């Protein structure tokens, strides 16, 4: 039995905060699924969706804390960096896309845009992991991000939360729906296209705190 949990013993304190980040993102995805399963018509369904959205800011807090804890404990590791990236993909990539789908961005073109957004997030994290050493200065610390960090998708979730609280989801989603060829397109999904494009930008440099 001890051998089965040997990997958990290798985790540092910061890694547990990273896992809490992933836990929140997974919970948000489940909330979106439950909302769709229940039909989303009742106030309880909307409340479940809002609870799921509230987990993303909590994931953001855990994401910020794990880095500070790692620096405080001087326990930064390759495992921790990879774990952080995987957790961020869940909480700030897949979860916002799932919440957007639950809110009514369900047209064929919406699927493509939301998938593009997730793909940009994955690519952004992979590029950061590969180039982190190249971007670090003499102090061994990365001084800036190339492109916006994936946790900035929190802003998208806040927009969705405001819409959900006002009943502007489903057929009432902001900016309505347009039929483009065989598929539906909701203009609101363009904020995901913009966010994804900013994440993979190589010309946009953002100072890293």
C-alpha atoms as a PDB file:
ATOM      1  CA  UNK A   1       0.000   0.000   0.000  1.00  0.00           C
ATOM      2  CA  UNK A   2       2.800   2.425   0.860  1.00  0.00           C
ATOM      3  CA  UNK A   3       4.365   1.823  -2.522  1.00  0.00           C
ATOM      4  CA  UNK A   4       1.145   2.921  -4.262  1.00  0.00           C
ATOM      5  CA  UNK A   5       1.278   6.310  -2.537  1.00  0.00           C
ATOM      6  CA  UNK A   6       5.015   6.871  -2.964  1.00  0.00           C
ATOM      7  CA  UNK A   7       4.449   9.572  -5.614  1.00  0.00           C
ATOM      8  CA  UNK A   8       2.215  11.564  -3.255  1.00  0.00           C
ATOM      9  CA  UNK A   9       5.022  11.593  -0.711  1.00  0.00           C
ATOM     10  CA  UNK A  10       7.213  13.283  -3.329  1.00  0.00           C
ATOM     11  CA  UNK A  11       4.814  16.225  -3.590  1.00  0.00           C
ATOM     12  CA  UNK A  12       5.871  19.528  -2.073  1.00  0.00           C
ATOM     13  CA  UNK A  13       3.474  21.819  -0.216  1.00  0.00           C
ATOM     14  CA  UNK A  14       3.102  24.012  -3.313  1.00  0.00           C
ATOM     15  CA  UNK A  15       2.008  20.985  -5.353  1.00  0.00           C
ATOM     16  CA  UNK A  16      -1.024  20.479  -3.109  1.00  0.00           C
ATOM     17  CA  UNK A  17      -2.177  24.019  -3.878  1.00  0.00           C
ATOM     18  CA  UNK A  18      -1.729  23.200  -7.564  1.00  0.00           C
ATOM     19  CA  UNK A  19      -3.915  20.121  -7.144  1.00  0.00           C
ATOM     20  CA  UNK A  20      -6.522  22.304  -5.428  1.00  0.00           C
ATOM     21  CA  UNK A  21      -6.451  24.481  -8.545  1.00  0.00           C
ATOM     22  CA  UNK A  22      -7.187  21.431 -10.715  1.00  0.00           C
ATOM     23  CA  UNK A  23      -9.901  20.302  -8.297  1.00  0.00           C
ATOM     24  CA  UNK A  24     -11.703  23.645  -8.704  1.00  0.00           C
ATOM     25  CA  UNK A  25     -11.473  23.492 -12.485  1.00  0.00           C
ATOM     26  CA  UNK A  26     -12.842  19.962 -12.543  1.00  0.00           C
ATOM     27  CA  UNK A  27     -15.690  21.027 -10.262  1.00  0.00           C
ATOM     28  CA  UNK A  28     -16.562  23.851 -12.664  1.00  0.00           C
ATOM     29  CA  UNK A  29     -16.737  21.382 -15.554  1.00  0.00           C
ATOM     30  CA  UNK A  30     -19.018  19.096 -13.550  1.00  0.00           C
ATOM     31  CA  UNK A  31     -21.227  22.086 -12.705  1.00  0.00           C
ATOM     32  CA  UNK A  32     -21.581  22.887 -16.404  1.00  0.00           C
ATOM     33  CA  UNK A  33     -22.460  19.253 -17.146  1.00  0.00           C
ATOM     34  CA  UNK A  34     -25.025  19.154 -14.344  1.00  0.00           C
ATOM     35  CA  UNK A  35     -26.605  22.380 -15.576  1.00  0.00           C
ATOM     36  CA  UNK A  36     -27.033  20.886 -19.041  1.00  0.00           C
ATOM     37  CA  UNK A  37     -28.248  17.573 -17.657  1.00  0.00           C
ATOM     38  CA  UNK A  38     -30.962  19.292 -15.609  1.00  0.00           C
ATOM     39  CA  UNK A  39     -32.095  21.363 -18.573  1.00  0.00           C
ATOM     40  CA  UNK A  40     -30.896  24.586 -16.986  1.00  0.00           C
ATOM     41  CA  UNK A  41     -34.384  26.084 -16.736  1.00  0.00           C
ATOM     42  CA  UNK A  42     -34.753  26.264 -12.969  1.00  0.00           C
ATOM     43  CA  UNK A  43     -33.229  28.779 -10.584  1.00  0.00           C
ATOM     44  CA  UNK A  44     -31.413  25.873  -8.945  1.00  0.00           C
ATOM     45  CA  UNK A  45     -29.810  25.015 -12.267  1.00  0.00           C
ATOM     46  CA  UNK A  46     -28.567  28.584 -12.721  1.00  0.00           C
ATOM     47  CA  UNK A  47     -27.280  28.594  -9.156  1.00  0.00           C
ATOM     48  CA  UNK A  48     -25.345  25.381  -9.831  1.00  0.00           C
ATOM     49  CA  UNK A  49     -23.831  27.046 -12.894  1.00  0.00           C
ATOM     50  CA  UNK A  50     -22.884  30.155 -10.914  1.00  0.00           C
ATOM     51  CA  UNK A  51     -21.270  27.985  -8.244  1.00  0.00           C
ATOM     52  CA  UNK A  52     -19.207  26.341 -10.948  1.00  0.00           C
ATOM     53  CA  UNK A  53     -18.157  29.763 -12.239  1.00  0.00           C
ATOM     54  CA  UNK A  54     -17.206  30.831  -8.716  1.00  0.00           C
ATOM     55  CA  UNK A  55     -14.732  27.957  -8.579  1.00  0.00           C
ATOM     56  CA  UNK A  56     -12.596  29.585 -11.295  1.00  0.00           C
ATOM     57  CA  UNK A  57     -11.626  32.626  -9.177  1.00  0.00           C
ATOM     58  CA  UNK A  58     -10.842  30.169  -6.380  1.00  0.00           C
ATOM     59  CA  UNK A  59      -8.641  28.216  -8.781  1.00  0.00           C
ATOM     60  CA  UNK A  60      -6.945  31.524  -9.644  1.00  0.00           C
ATOM     61  CA  UNK A  61      -6.154  32.066  -5.959  1.00  0.00           C
ATOM     62  CA  UNK A  62      -4.659  28.579  -5.617  1.00  0.00           C
ATOM     63  CA  UNK A  63      -2.665  29.131  -8.810  1.00  0.00           C
ATOM     64  CA  UNK A  64      -1.190  32.330  -7.388  1.00  0.00           C
ATOM     65  CA  UNK A  65      -0.475  30.812  -3.986  1.00  0.00           C
ATOM     66  CA  UNK A  66       1.353  27.715  -5.254  1.00  0.00           C
ATOM     67  CA  UNK A  67       4.068  29.812  -6.904  1.00  0.00           C
ATOM     68  CA  UNK A  68       4.570  31.922  -3.818  1.00  0.00           C
ATOM     69  CA  UNK A  69       4.715  28.859  -1.598  1.00  0.00           C
ATOM     70  CA  UNK A  70       7.260  27.235  -3.914  1.00  0.00           C
ATOM     71  CA  UNK A  71       9.497  30.310  -3.758  1.00  0.00           C
ATOM     72  CA  UNK A  72       9.051  30.599  -0.007  1.00  0.00           C
ATOM     73  CA  UNK A  73       9.934  26.946   0.553  1.00  0.00           C
ATOM     74  CA  UNK A  74      12.528  27.020  -2.263  1.00  0.00           C
ATOM     75  CA  UNK A  75      10.934  23.847  -3.569  1.00  0.00           C
ATOM     76  CA  UNK A  76      10.358  24.688  -7.226  1.00  0.00           C
ATOM     77  CA  UNK A  77      10.766  21.618  -9.412  1.00  0.00           C
ATOM     78  CA  UNK A  78      10.168  20.354 -12.936  1.00  0.00           C
ATOM     79  CA  UNK A  79       7.357  18.177 -11.586  1.00  0.00           C
ATOM     80  CA  UNK A  80       5.732  21.212  -9.992  1.00  0.00           C
ATOM     81  CA  UNK A  81       5.976  23.227 -13.199  1.00  0.00           C
ATOM     82  CA  UNK A  82       4.411  20.468 -15.290  1.00  0.00           C
ATOM     83  CA  UNK A  83       1.732  19.880 -12.662  1.00  0.00           C
ATOM     84  CA  UNK A  84       0.927  23.585 -12.667  1.00  0.00           C
ATOM     85  CA  UNK A  85       0.530  23.615 -16.445  1.00  0.00           C
ATOM     86  CA  UNK A  86      -1.806  20.627 -16.437  1.00  0.00           C
ATOM     87  CA  UNK A  87      -3.938  22.170 -13.689  1.00  0.00           C
ATOM     88  CA  UNK A  88      -4.100  25.468 -15.603  1.00  0.00           C
ATOM     89  CA  UNK A  89      -5.282  23.690 -18.751  1.00  0.00           C
ATOM     90  CA  UNK A  90      -8.209  22.294 -16.770  1.00  0.00           C
ATOM     91  CA  UNK A  91      -9.147  25.391 -14.767  1.00  0.00           C
ATOM     92  CA  UNK A  92      -8.427  28.163 -17.261  1.00  0.00           C
ATOM     93  CA  UNK A  93      -8.773  26.334 -20.577  1.00  0.00           C
ATOM     94  CA  UNK A  94     -11.272  23.484 -20.591  1.00  0.00           C
ATOM     95  CA  UNK A  95     -13.465  24.754 -17.730  1.00  0.00           C
ATOM     96  CA  UNK A  96     -14.169  28.233 -19.226  1.00  0.00           C
ATOM     97  CA  UNK A  97     -14.952  26.599 -22.574  1.00  0.00           C
ATOM     98  CA  UNK A  98     -17.329  24.131 -20.892  1.00  0.00           C
ATOM     99  CA  UNK A  99     -19.028  26.950 -18.977  1.00  0.00           C
ATOM    100  CA  UNK A 100     -19.413  28.950 -22.190  1.00  0.00           C
ATOM    101  CA  UNK A 101     -20.997  25.944 -23.885  1.00  0.00           C
ATOM    102  CA  UNK A 102     -23.395  25.543 -20.955  1.00  0.00           C
ATOM    103  CA  UNK A 103     -24.336  29.223 -21.260  1.00  0.00           C
ATOM    104  CA  UNK A 104     -25.540  28.659 -24.814  1.00  0.00           C
ATOM    105  CA  UNK A 105     -22.499  28.977 -27.081  1.00  0.00           C
ATOM    106  CA  UNK A 106     -23.364  25.664 -28.677  1.00  0.00           C
ATOM    107  CA  UNK A 107     -23.343  26.364 -32.418  1.00  0.00           C
ATOM    108  CA  UNK A 108     -20.995  24.556 -34.759  1.00  0.00           C
ATOM    109  CA  UNK A 109     -18.853  27.650 -35.237  1.00  0.00           C
ATOM    110  CA  UNK A 110     -18.852  28.137 -31.463  1.00  0.00           C
ATOM    111  CA  UNK A 111     -17.403  24.651 -31.028  1.00  0.00           C
ATOM    112  CA  UNK A 112     -14.561  25.535 -33.377  1.00  0.00           C
ATOM    113  CA  UNK A 113     -13.804  28.809 -31.591  1.00  0.00           C
ATOM    114  CA  UNK A 114     -13.938  27.224 -28.125  1.00  0.00           C
ATOM    115  CA  UNK A 115     -11.683  24.385 -29.291  1.00  0.00           C
ATOM    116  CA  UNK A 116      -9.312  26.974 -30.763  1.00  0.00           C
ATOM    117  CA  UNK A 117      -9.263  28.759 -27.401  1.00  0.00           C
ATOM    118  CA  UNK A 118      -8.355  25.566 -25.528  1.00  0.00           C
ATOM    119  CA  UNK A 119      -5.727  24.723 -28.149  1.00  0.00           C
ATOM    120  CA  UNK A 120      -4.172  28.172 -27.740  1.00  0.00           C
ATOM    121  CA  UNK A 121      -4.053  27.699 -23.973  1.00  0.00           C
ATOM    122  CA  UNK A 122      -2.338  24.335 -24.284  1.00  0.00           C
ATOM    123  CA  UNK A 123       0.141  25.738 -26.818  1.00  0.00           C
ATOM    124  CA  UNK A 124       0.821  28.774 -24.632  1.00  0.00           C
ATOM    125  CA  UNK A 125       1.681  26.620 -21.616  1.00  0.00           C
ATOM    126  CA  UNK A 126       3.812  24.213 -23.637  1.00  0.00           C
ATOM    127  CA  UNK A 127       5.776  27.112 -25.151  1.00  0.00           C
ATOM    128  CA  UNK A 128       6.336  28.660 -21.731  1.00  0.00           C
ATOM    129  CA  UNK A 129       7.654  25.395 -20.292  1.00  0.00           C
ATOM    130  CA  UNK A 130      10.063  24.975 -23.198  1.00  0.00           C
ATOM    131  CA  UNK A 131      11.310  28.571 -23.286  1.00  0.00           C
ATOM    132  CA  UNK A 132      11.301  29.364 -19.536  1.00  0.00           C
ATOM    133  CA  UNK A 133      15.062  28.937 -19.234  1.00  0.00           C
ATOM    134  CA  UNK A 134      15.691  31.045 -22.325  1.00  0.00           C
ATOM    135  CA  UNK A 135      13.520  33.866 -20.988  1.00  0.00           C
ATOM    136  CA  UNK A 136      15.075  33.860 -17.529  1.00  0.00           C
ATOM    137  CA  UNK A 137      17.687  36.456 -16.703  1.00  0.00           C
ATOM    138  CA  UNK A 138      20.854  36.215 -14.665  1.00  0.00           C
ATOM    139  CA  UNK A 139      18.772  35.650 -11.550  1.00  0.00           C
ATOM    140  CA  UNK A 140      17.256  32.542 -13.086  1.00  0.00           C
ATOM    141  CA  UNK A 141      13.757  34.021 -12.991  1.00  0.00           C
ATOM    142  CA  UNK A 142      11.482  34.576 -15.978  1.00  0.00           C
ATOM    143  CA  UNK A 143      10.974  38.340 -16.228  1.00  0.00           C
ATOM    144  CA  UNK A 144       8.091  38.458 -18.699  1.00  0.00           C
ATOM    145  CA  UNK A 145       5.413  36.364 -20.376  1.00  0.00           C
ATOM    146  CA  UNK A 146       5.199  36.003 -24.141  1.00  0.00           C
ATOM    147  CA  UNK A 147       1.476  36.410 -24.727  1.00  0.00           C
ATOM    148  CA  UNK A 148      -1.147  36.677 -22.022  1.00  0.00           C
ATOM    149  CA  UNK A 149      -1.016  34.005 -19.290  1.00  0.00           C
ATOM    150  CA  UNK A 150      -3.826  31.463 -19.485  1.00  0.00           C
ATOM    151  CA  UNK A 151      -5.293  32.470 -16.067  1.00  0.00           C
ATOM    152  CA  UNK A 152      -6.434  35.715 -17.736  1.00  0.00           C
ATOM    153  CA  UNK A 153      -9.373  33.633 -18.995  1.00  0.00           C
ATOM    154  CA  UNK A 154     -10.837  34.384 -15.567  1.00  0.00           C
ATOM    155  CA  UNK A 155     -12.094  37.607 -17.175  1.00  0.00           C
ATOM    156  CA  UNK A 156     -14.141  35.547 -19.644  1.00  0.00           C
ATOM    157  CA  UNK A 157     -15.737  33.596 -16.823  1.00  0.00           C
ATOM    158  CA  UNK A 158     -16.633  36.827 -15.048  1.00  0.00           C
ATOM    159  CA  UNK A 159     -18.430  38.010 -18.199  1.00  0.00           C
ATOM    160  CA  UNK A 160     -20.315  34.689 -18.358  1.00  0.00           C
ATOM    161  CA  UNK A 161     -21.215  34.947 -14.670  1.00  0.00           C
ATOM    162  CA  UNK A 162     -22.689  38.427 -15.177  1.00  0.00           C
ATOM    163  CA  UNK A 163     -24.665  37.148 -18.153  1.00  0.00           C
ATOM    164  CA  UNK A 164     -25.941  34.133 -16.217  1.00  0.00           C
ATOM    165  CA  UNK A 165     -26.972  36.265 -13.251  1.00  0.00           C
ATOM    166  CA  UNK A 166     -29.004  38.448 -15.625  1.00  0.00           C
ATOM    167  CA  UNK A 167     -30.596  35.499 -17.416  1.00  0.00           C
ATOM    168  CA  UNK A 168     -28.686  36.292 -20.621  1.00  0.00           C
ATOM    169  CA  UNK A 169     -27.846  32.674 -21.438  1.00  0.00           C
ATOM    170  CA  UNK A 170     -29.306  30.056 -23.741  1.00  0.00           C
ATOM    171  CA  UNK A 171     -31.657  31.676 -26.252  1.00  0.00           C
ATOM    172  CA  UNK A 172     -31.189  35.026 -24.493  1.00  0.00           C
ATOM    173  CA  UNK A 173     -27.410  35.087 -24.775  1.00  0.00           C
ATOM    174  CA  UNK A 174     -25.921  38.525 -25.376  1.00  0.00           C
ATOM    175  CA  UNK A 175     -25.605  39.603 -29.053  1.00  0.00           C
ATOM    176  CA  UNK A 176     -27.912  36.814 -30.169  1.00  0.00           C
ATOM    177  CA  UNK A 177     -27.171  34.211 -32.819  1.00  0.00           C
ATOM    178  CA  UNK A 178     -26.299  34.299 -36.505  1.00  0.00           C
ATOM    179  CA  UNK A 179     -26.810  31.439 -38.974  1.00  0.00           C
ATOM    180  CA  UNK A 180     -23.631  31.087 -41.041  1.00  0.00           C
ATOM    181  CA  UNK A 181     -24.003  28.343 -43.593  1.00  0.00           C
ATOM    182  CA  UNK A 182     -24.890  25.041 -41.951  1.00  0.00           C
ATOM    183  CA  UNK A 183     -23.967  26.102 -38.405  1.00  0.00           C
ATOM    184  CA  UNK A 184     -24.981  28.636 -35.812  1.00  0.00           C
ATOM    185  CA  UNK A 185     -22.615  31.318 -34.551  1.00  0.00           C
ATOM    186  CA  UNK A 186     -22.946  33.399 -31.382  1.00  0.00           C
ATOM    187  CA  UNK A 187     -20.893  36.627 -31.606  1.00  0.00           C
ATOM    188  CA  UNK A 188     -20.195  36.488 -27.852  1.00  0.00           C
ATOM    189  CA  UNK A 189     -17.842  33.577 -28.512  1.00  0.00           C
ATOM    190  CA  UNK A 190     -15.450  35.991 -30.229  1.00  0.00           C
ATOM    191  CA  UNK A 191     -14.097  36.991 -26.815  1.00  0.00           C
ATOM    192  CA  UNK A 192     -12.683  33.462 -26.591  1.00  0.00           C
ATOM    193  CA  UNK A 193     -11.093  33.836 -30.028  1.00  0.00           C
ATOM    194  CA  UNK A 194      -9.454  37.102 -28.952  1.00  0.00           C
ATOM    195  CA  UNK A 195      -8.271  35.660 -25.638  1.00  0.00           C
ATOM    196  CA  UNK A 196      -6.774  32.615 -27.346  1.00  0.00           C
ATOM    197  CA  UNK A 197      -5.002  34.724 -29.960  1.00  0.00           C
ATOM    198  CA  UNK A 198      -3.489  36.964 -27.276  1.00  0.00           C
ATOM    199  CA  UNK A 199      -2.192  33.909 -25.425  1.00  0.00           C
ATOM    200  CA  UNK A 200      -0.171  32.661 -28.399  1.00  0.00           C
ATOM    201  CA  UNK A 201       1.140  36.081 -29.400  1.00  0.00           C
ATOM    202  CA  UNK A 202       4.950  36.278 -29.440  1.00  0.00           C
ATOM    203  CA  UNK A 203       5.064  40.053 -29.792  1.00  0.00           C
ATOM    204  CA  UNK A 204       3.068  40.785 -26.637  1.00  0.00           C
ATOM    205  CA  UNK A 205       5.384  40.866 -23.607  1.00  0.00           C
ATOM    206  CA  UNK A 206       3.834  41.097 -20.140  1.00  0.00           C
ATOM    207  CA  UNK A 207       6.054  41.598 -17.049  1.00  0.00           C
ATOM    208  CA  UNK A 208       5.983  38.601 -14.735  1.00  0.00           C
ATOM    209  CA  UNK A 209       5.427  39.492 -11.056  1.00  0.00           C
END
